[in-house]
Protein backbone atom coordinates (compact mmCIF):
# COMPACT_ATOMS: atom_id res chain seq x y z
CA MET A 1 12.40 -30.35 -8.26
CA LYS A 2 10.40 -30.55 -11.29
CA VAL A 3 8.40 -28.19 -12.37
CA ALA A 4 5.23 -29.54 -11.79
CA ASP A 5 5.84 -29.76 -7.94
CA LYS A 6 7.24 -25.75 -8.06
CA VAL A 7 3.78 -23.09 -6.91
CA ARG A 8 2.95 -21.77 -9.99
CA SER A 9 2.74 -17.82 -10.45
CA PRO A 10 -0.66 -15.99 -10.43
CA CYS A 11 0.16 -14.17 -14.00
CA VAL A 12 -2.85 -13.61 -15.90
CA SER A 13 -0.72 -12.15 -18.99
CA ILE A 14 -2.53 -8.15 -18.11
CA CYS A 15 0.85 -6.53 -17.28
CA ALA A 16 1.17 -3.40 -16.11
CA LEU A 17 1.51 -1.70 -13.12
CA ASP A 18 -0.84 0.21 -10.88
CA ASP A 19 0.50 3.73 -8.58
CA ASN A 20 1.32 1.53 -6.15
CA ASP A 21 3.13 -0.58 -8.10
CA THR A 22 1.23 -3.52 -7.96
CA CYS A 23 -0.09 -5.49 -11.19
CA VAL A 24 -3.67 -5.45 -12.34
CA GLY A 25 -3.59 -8.78 -14.00
CA CYS A 26 -1.98 -11.10 -11.14
CA HIS A 27 -1.81 -7.80 -8.86
CA ARG A 28 1.28 -8.99 -7.11
CA THR A 29 4.18 -5.89 -6.60
CA GLY A 30 6.85 -5.01 -9.11
CA GLU A 31 9.60 -6.78 -6.40
CA GLU A 32 6.98 -10.06 -6.17
CA ILE A 33 7.07 -10.19 -10.02
CA THR A 34 10.66 -9.26 -10.50
CA ARG A 35 12.06 -11.77 -7.53
CA TRP A 36 9.26 -14.88 -8.58
CA SER A 37 11.77 -17.10 -10.72
CA SER A 38 13.92 -16.81 -7.97
CA MET A 39 11.79 -17.76 -4.64
CA SER A 40 11.13 -21.16 -2.67
CA ASN A 41 8.31 -22.64 -2.79
CA GLU A 42 7.29 -21.36 1.13
CA GLU A 43 7.88 -17.49 -0.31
CA ARG A 44 5.79 -18.12 -3.72
CA ARG A 45 2.35 -19.19 -1.26
CA GLU A 46 3.72 -15.88 1.20
CA VAL A 47 3.53 -14.60 -1.94
CA LEU A 48 -0.22 -15.82 -2.98
CA GLN A 49 -1.44 -15.49 1.03
CA LYS A 50 -0.52 -11.33 0.08
CA VAL A 51 -2.32 -11.44 -3.50
CA ALA A 52 -5.20 -12.56 -2.28
CA GLU A 53 -5.79 -9.94 0.70
CA ARG A 54 -4.66 -7.46 -1.80
CA GLU A 55 -7.86 -9.02 -4.99
CA ARG A 56 -10.34 -8.92 -1.61
CA LYS A 57 -9.74 -5.04 -1.44
CA ALA A 58 -9.90 -4.76 -4.90
CA LEU A 59 -13.65 -5.69 -5.08
CA ILE A 60 -14.03 -3.60 -1.73
């Protein structure tokens, strides 16, 4: 698979985990960040769906 075909990381270079082990920048958990490079595109898309939900909750 070409690099251009991979689902890109949501990292925004604000790397700090909160008390819930969730990054305040990209809203991924510490485990999701650690595993990202070995995930399939399908797994990455699932994480991005969770990230979107966490972002919505953070805005409320």
